Protein backbone atom coordinates (compact mmCIF):
# COMPACT_ATOMS: atom_id res chain seq x y z
CA MET A 1 -15.63 -38.79 26.50
CA LEU A 2 -13.33 -36.06 27.28
CA LEU A 3 -10.89 -37.57 25.95
CA GLY A 4 -12.97 -37.08 22.90
CA GLY A 5 -13.73 -32.82 24.09
CA ALA A 6 -9.90 -32.26 24.31
CA ALA A 7 -9.46 -33.58 21.02
CA LEU A 8 -11.52 -31.84 19.51
CA ALA A 9 -10.61 -28.27 21.17
CA LEU A 10 -7.43 -29.28 19.81
CA ALA A 11 -8.72 -30.34 15.81
CA VAL A 12 -10.73 -26.58 16.21
CA LEU A 13 -7.88 -24.48 18.07
CA ILE A 14 -5.60 -25.88 14.96
CA GLY A 15 -8.03 -25.76 12.14
CA THR A 16 -9.00 -21.74 13.04
CA GLN A 17 -5.30 -21.01 13.11
CA VAL A 18 -4.90 -23.08 9.18
CA ILE A 19 -7.59 -21.45 8.14
CA GLY A 20 -6.17 -17.79 8.56
CA VAL A 21 -3.14 -18.88 7.22
CA LEU A 22 -5.77 -20.46 3.60
CA TYR A 23 -7.15 -17.41 3.72
CA SER A 24 -4.09 -14.74 3.31
CA ILE A 25 -1.86 -16.98 0.82
CA ILE A 26 -5.26 -16.83 -0.90
CA ALA A 27 -6.68 -13.48 -0.58
CA PRO A 28 -3.33 -11.20 0.59
CA PRO A 29 -4.09 -7.90 0.87
CA SER A 30 -4.14 -5.00 -0.81
CA PRO A 31 -2.67 -1.20 -0.05
CA PRO A 32 -3.93 1.20 1.04
CA LEU A 33 -6.24 3.22 -1.52
CA PRO A 34 -7.50 6.34 -1.54
CA GLU A 35 -11.39 7.16 -1.69
CA GLY A 36 -12.45 8.63 -5.03
CA ALA A 37 -8.79 6.90 -6.89
CA HIS A 38 -9.32 5.01 -10.54
CA LEU A 39 -6.94 2.27 -11.78
CA LEU A 40 -5.25 3.03 -14.66
CA SER A 41 -3.18 0.00 -14.79
CA HIS A 42 -1.98 -2.99 -13.05
CA THR A 43 0.73 -5.38 -13.54
CA GLY A 44 0.99 -8.29 -11.53
CA LEU A 45 4.70 -9.59 -11.89
CA ASP A 46 4.01 -12.76 -9.82
CA TYR A 47 1.41 -13.63 -7.38
CA GLY A 48 2.30 -11.42 -3.75
CA VAL A 49 3.36 -8.68 -6.26
CA ASP A 50 1.91 -6.37 -8.26
CA ASP A 51 2.42 -2.71 -9.77
CA TRP A 52 -0.77 -0.27 -10.38
CA LEU A 53 -1.00 3.31 -11.39
CA TYR A 54 -4.15 5.46 -9.78
CA GLY A 55 -5.85 8.73 -10.98
CA THR A 56 -7.07 10.55 -8.54
CA ASP A 57 -8.50 14.46 -8.35
CA GLU A 58 -7.28 14.83 -4.95
CA ASN A 59 -4.74 17.30 -5.08
CA ALA A 60 -0.66 15.52 -4.21
CA CYS A 61 -0.39 16.36 -0.59
CA ALA A 62 -3.40 15.55 0.41
CA VAL A 63 -2.71 11.57 -1.28
CA ALA A 64 0.78 11.50 0.70
CA ARG A 65 -1.10 12.44 3.84
CA PHE A 66 -3.16 9.86 3.32
CA PHE A 67 -0.25 7.30 3.31
CA GLN A 68 1.27 8.77 5.72
CA ASP A 69 -1.76 8.59 8.59
CA ARG A 70 -1.28 4.66 7.00
CA GLY A 71 1.65 4.39 8.85
CA GLY A 72 3.93 5.00 5.24
CA VAL A 73 7.56 6.92 6.08
CA CYS A 74 7.37 9.50 3.01
CA ARG A 75 10.07 11.51 1.57
CA VAL A 76 8.35 14.86 0.20
CA THR A 77 10.09 16.86 -2.20
CA VAL A 78 11.68 19.91 -0.98
CA GLY A 79 9.31 23.12 -1.35
CA GLU A 80 6.02 20.92 -2.87
CA CYS A 81 4.22 21.44 0.03
CA GLU A 82 3.54 23.52 2.79
CA GLY A 83 4.34 22.30 6.30
CA ASP A 84 1.38 19.95 7.17
CA SER A 85 1.32 18.63 3.46
CA SER A 86 -1.98 19.14 2.93
CA ARG A 87 -1.72 21.22 -0.03
CA LEU A 88 0.35 21.77 -3.27
CA LEU A 89 2.55 24.88 -3.66
CA GLU A 90 0.71 27.85 -6.12
CA PRO A 91 1.30 27.75 -8.11
CA ALA A 92 0.17 24.47 -9.04
CA PRO A 93 2.80 22.85 -12.22
CA ALA A 94 2.81 23.35 -16.25
CA GLU A 95 3.77 19.36 -16.47
CA PRO A 96 3.67 16.25 -14.06
CA GLN A 97 6.46 16.84 -11.56
CA HIS A 98 7.35 14.68 -8.94
CA VAL A 99 5.40 15.05 -4.90
CA ALA A 100 6.32 12.47 -2.87
CA GLN A 101 7.48 8.65 -2.56
CA CYS A 102 5.84 6.88 0.45
CA ALA A 103 6.40 3.42 1.66
CA GLY A 104 5.16 0.72 4.73
CA GLU A 105 5.21 -2.30 5.62
CA VAL A 106 2.03 -4.90 6.90
CA TYR A 107 2.76 -8.16 9.23
CA PHE A 108 -0.30 -10.44 9.04
CA SER A 109 -1.57 -14.02 9.43
CA ILE A 110 2.34 -15.71 9.38
CA PHE A 111 3.26 -13.19 6.56
CA ALA A 112 4.38 -9.54 5.60
CA MET A 113 4.06 -7.17 3.07
CA ARG A 114 5.69 -4.49 2.02
CA TRP A 115 3.79 -1.56 -0.48
CA GLU A 116 5.71 1.82 -1.83
CA VAL A 117 3.52 4.83 -3.82
CA THR A 118 5.42 7.16 -5.98
CA ILE A 119 3.18 10.73 -6.21
CA ALA A 120 3.33 12.92 -8.92
CA SER A 121 1.77 16.59 -9.94
CA GLY A 122 0.21 18.52 -12.74
CA TYR A 123 -1.47 15.65 -14.83
CA GLU A 124 -4.57 17.15 -17.23
CA LYS A 125 -5.61 13.49 -17.92
CA ASP A 126 -7.35 10.83 -15.62
CA GLY A 127 -7.16 13.02 -13.15
CA GLN A 128 -4.77 15.76 -11.79
CA THR A 129 -2.93 13.53 -9.66
CA HIS A 130 -1.36 9.94 -10.65
CA PHE A 131 0.14 7.82 -7.94
CA GLY A 132 2.50 4.14 -8.49
CA LEU A 133 1.95 2.28 -5.76
CA SER A 134 3.40 -0.86 -5.64
CA ARG A 135 3.02 -4.02 -3.11
CA GLU A 136 5.18 -7.49 -2.78
CA VAL A 137 3.98 -9.77 0.12
CA PHE A 138 7.02 -11.71 1.85
CA TRP A 139 5.69 -15.30 1.99
CA THR A 140 7.95 -15.96 4.31
CA GLY A 141 7.26 -13.20 6.54
CA SER A 142 10.14 -11.53 7.29
CA ILE A 143 10.85 -8.32 4.35
CA PRO A 144 14.19 -7.76 3.80
CA PRO A 145 15.51 -4.65 4.29
CA ARG A 146 15.13 -2.40 0.93
CA LEU A 147 17.61 -1.59 -1.58
CA GLU A 148 18.23 1.77 -2.33
CA LEU A 149 19.77 3.00 -5.17
């Protein structure tokens, strides 16, 4: 009886660990996404490797701040945003221009994910700001260093 109870407890413990891993494989997490962003395109390069393009009416600097607040490290183009990166400097660009790049890392279950976003402003169609968002899930659980070009 005692041995059966111990076996059942061990099975439950192992089962909960396996279920979390299997769920993470079936449905890996998505990168953070600002509210009100709408999908313009999606490309699935491989399982867990995706590129999305979104549009939003939100200011490009506010989008950069959103990703910073979600743990991203951002590089903002000099002169694009005021000190707190909350609003774009005036006047607004006449044509689309790069505002910021952000990257973040997330660890989940026994896996890891890197997301990267490139934010541009000055669009007239599909929202004033467009951002390309990519993610790569690392099934080994460790994130390799980024390659800088």
